[in-house]
Amino acid sequence: TRGYRSGGPVQNAAKRGIFCGKEISFGNKVSHSERKTRRKWKPNTAWKQFYFETLEETFRIKVTAHAIRCIKKQGGIESLLVNRPQL
């Protein structure tokens, strides 16, 4: 039993970057003839450099587009990590 959404184990991608709750979604690709084949939608990720003022160092971190917006809204990556420790 792999709990994808119901509080199950964290997917491996979340261990390697900041995804802010975004994860792989599954569904069907539907052709014109309405034949259905399984597919997955991956989060929109990118490698981005962030400067940590307390460490005085720049780190390259894999983040989603949603995470970048969250970081800007919080006022920086350090404040996001302090306010949302579950990341």
C-alpha atoms as a PDB file:
ATOM      1  CA  THR A   1       0.000   0.000   0.000  1.00  0.00           C
ATOM      2  CA  ARG A   2       1.602   3.209  -1.167  1.00  0.00           C
ATOM      3  CA  GLY A   3      -0.349   6.179   0.179  1.00  0.00           C
ATOM      4  CA  TYR A   4       0.085   8.804  -2.503  1.00  0.00           C
ATOM      5  CA  ARG A   5      -2.167  11.424  -1.004  1.00  0.00           C
ATOM      6  CA  SER A   6      -3.466  10.155   2.308  1.00  0.00           C
ATOM      7  CA  GLY A   7      -0.527  10.957   4.556  1.00  0.00           C
ATOM      8  CA  GLY A   8       1.522   8.091   3.163  1.00  0.00           C
ATOM      9  CA  PRO A   9       5.255   8.038   2.624  1.00  0.00           C
ATOM     10  CA  VAL A  10       6.908  11.065   1.058  1.00  0.00           C
ATOM     11  CA  GLN A  11       7.804  10.542  -2.570  1.00  0.00           C
ATOM     12  CA  ASN A  12      11.509  10.402  -3.354  1.00  0.00           C
ATOM     13  CA  ALA A  13      11.434  13.681  -5.300  1.00  0.00           C
ATOM     14  CA  ALA A  14      10.384  15.564  -2.161  1.00  0.00           C
ATOM     15  CA  LYS A  15      13.547  14.351  -0.435  1.00  0.00           C
ATOM     16  CA  ARG A  16      15.707  16.032  -3.097  1.00  0.00           C
ATOM     17  CA  GLY A  17      14.231  19.531  -3.276  1.00  0.00           C
ATOM     18  CA  ILE A  18      11.535  21.980  -2.213  1.00  0.00           C
ATOM     19  CA  PHE A  19       8.231  20.982  -3.786  1.00  0.00           C
ATOM     20  CA  CYS A  20       5.700  22.767  -1.469  1.00  0.00           C
ATOM     21  CA  GLY A  21       3.162  19.952  -1.584  1.00  0.00           C
ATOM     22  CA  LYS A  22       3.312  19.359  -5.328  1.00  0.00           C
ATOM     23  CA  GLU A  23       3.695  15.746  -6.356  1.00  0.00           C
ATOM     24  CA  ILE A  24       3.282  13.465  -9.353  1.00  0.00           C
ATOM     25  CA  SER A  25      -0.345  13.105 -10.497  1.00  0.00           C
ATOM     26  CA  PHE A  26      -1.703  10.107 -12.359  1.00  0.00           C
ATOM     27  CA  GLY A  27      -4.498   9.831 -14.873  1.00  0.00           C
ATOM     28  CA  ASN A  28      -5.459   8.870 -18.389  1.00  0.00           C
ATOM     29  CA  LYS A  29      -4.372  10.205 -21.751  1.00  0.00           C
ATOM     30  CA  VAL A  30      -7.488  10.146 -23.927  1.00  0.00           C
ATOM     31  CA  SER A  31      -7.136   9.980 -27.714  1.00  0.00           C
ATOM     32  CA  HIS A  32      -9.661  11.167 -30.286  1.00  0.00           C
ATOM     33  CA  SER A  33     -11.121   7.652 -30.390  1.00  0.00           C
ATOM     34  CA  GLU A  34     -11.417   7.869 -26.576  1.00  0.00           C
ATOM     35  CA  ARG A  35      -8.884   5.092 -26.033  1.00  0.00           C
ATOM     36  CA  LYS A  36      -7.379   5.577 -22.576  1.00  0.00           C
ATOM     37  CA  THR A  37      -3.744   4.987 -21.674  1.00  0.00           C
ATOM     38  CA  ARG A  38      -2.167   5.710 -18.300  1.00  0.00           C
ATOM     39  CA  ARG A  39       0.103   8.705 -17.904  1.00  0.00           C
ATOM     40  CA  LYS A  40       1.515  10.935 -15.194  1.00  0.00           C
ATOM     41  CA  TRP A  41       1.923  14.659 -14.745  1.00  0.00           C
ATOM     42  CA  LYS A  42       5.178  15.702 -13.130  1.00  0.00           C
ATOM     43  CA  PRO A  43       5.621  18.941 -11.143  1.00  0.00           C
ATOM     44  CA  ASN A  44       7.135  21.917 -12.962  1.00  0.00           C
ATOM     45  CA  THR A  45      10.646  21.822 -11.468  1.00  0.00           C
ATOM     46  CA  ALA A  46      13.796  23.823 -12.068  1.00  0.00           C
ATOM     47  CA  TRP A  47      17.229  24.178 -10.491  1.00  0.00           C
ATOM     48  CA  LYS A  48      17.603  27.585  -8.839  1.00  0.00           C
ATOM     49  CA  GLN A  49      20.323  29.254  -6.791  1.00  0.00           C
ATOM     50  CA  PHE A  50      19.388  30.699  -3.407  1.00  0.00           C
ATOM     51  CA  TYR A  51      21.547  32.813  -1.122  1.00  0.00           C
ATOM     52  CA  PHE A  52      21.383  32.050   2.601  1.00  0.00           C
ATOM     53  CA  GLU A  53      22.292  35.172   4.577  1.00  0.00           C
ATOM     54  CA  THR A  54      22.949  33.346   7.846  1.00  0.00           C
ATOM     55  CA  LEU A  55      25.399  30.940   6.199  1.00  0.00           C
ATOM     56  CA  GLU A  56      26.678  33.569   3.733  1.00  0.00           C
ATOM     57  CA  GLU A  57      26.588  30.931   1.016  1.00  0.00           C
ATOM     58  CA  THR A  58      24.726  30.193  -2.217  1.00  0.00           C
ATOM     59  CA  PHE A  59      23.079  26.802  -2.719  1.00  0.00           C
ATOM     60  CA  ARG A  60      21.617  25.263  -5.863  1.00  0.00           C
ATOM     61  CA  ILE A  61      18.258  23.665  -5.015  1.00  0.00           C
ATOM     62  CA  LYS A  62      15.613  21.910  -7.116  1.00  0.00           C
ATOM     63  CA  VAL A  63      12.291  23.738  -6.654  1.00  0.00           C
ATOM     64  CA  THR A  64       8.862  23.847  -8.279  1.00  0.00           C
ATOM     65  CA  ALA A  65       7.360  26.975  -9.806  1.00  0.00           C
ATOM     66  CA  HIS A  66       4.859  26.981  -6.925  1.00  0.00           C
ATOM     67  CA  ALA A  67       7.721  26.850  -4.407  1.00  0.00           C
ATOM     68  CA  ILE A  68       9.412  29.847  -6.058  1.00  0.00           C
ATOM     69  CA  ARG A  69       6.205  31.858  -5.636  1.00  0.00           C
ATOM     70  CA  CYS A  70       5.954  30.736  -1.983  1.00  0.00           C
ATOM     71  CA  ILE A  71       9.575  31.780  -1.372  1.00  0.00           C
ATOM     72  CA  LYS A  72       8.957  35.233  -2.841  1.00  0.00           C
ATOM     73  CA  LYS A  73       5.762  35.630  -0.806  1.00  0.00           C
ATOM     74  CA  GLN A  74       7.524  34.690   2.462  1.00  0.00           C
ATOM     75  CA  GLY A  75      10.351  37.125   1.767  1.00  0.00           C
ATOM     76  CA  GLY A  76      13.171  34.661   1.145  1.00  0.00           C
ATOM     77  CA  ILE A  77      14.055  31.026   1.417  1.00  0.00           C
ATOM     78  CA  GLU A  78      15.234  31.247   5.023  1.00  0.00           C
ATOM     79  CA  SER A  79      11.937  32.634   6.282  1.00  0.00           C
ATOM     80  CA  LEU A  80      10.042  29.980   4.294  1.00  0.00           C
ATOM     81  CA  LEU A  81      12.085  27.181   5.857  1.00  0.00           C
ATOM     82  CA  VAL A  82      11.593  28.631   9.350  1.00  0.00           C
ATOM     83  CA  ASN A  83       7.844  29.142   8.943  1.00  0.00           C
ATOM     84  CA  ARG A  84       7.195  25.819   7.147  1.00  0.00           C
ATOM     85  CA  PRO A  85       9.485  23.209   8.727  1.00  0.00           C
ATOM     86  CA  GLN A  86       7.684  20.295   7.002  1.00  0.00           C
ATOM     87  CA  LEU A  87       9.422  21.160   3.707  1.00  0.00           C
END
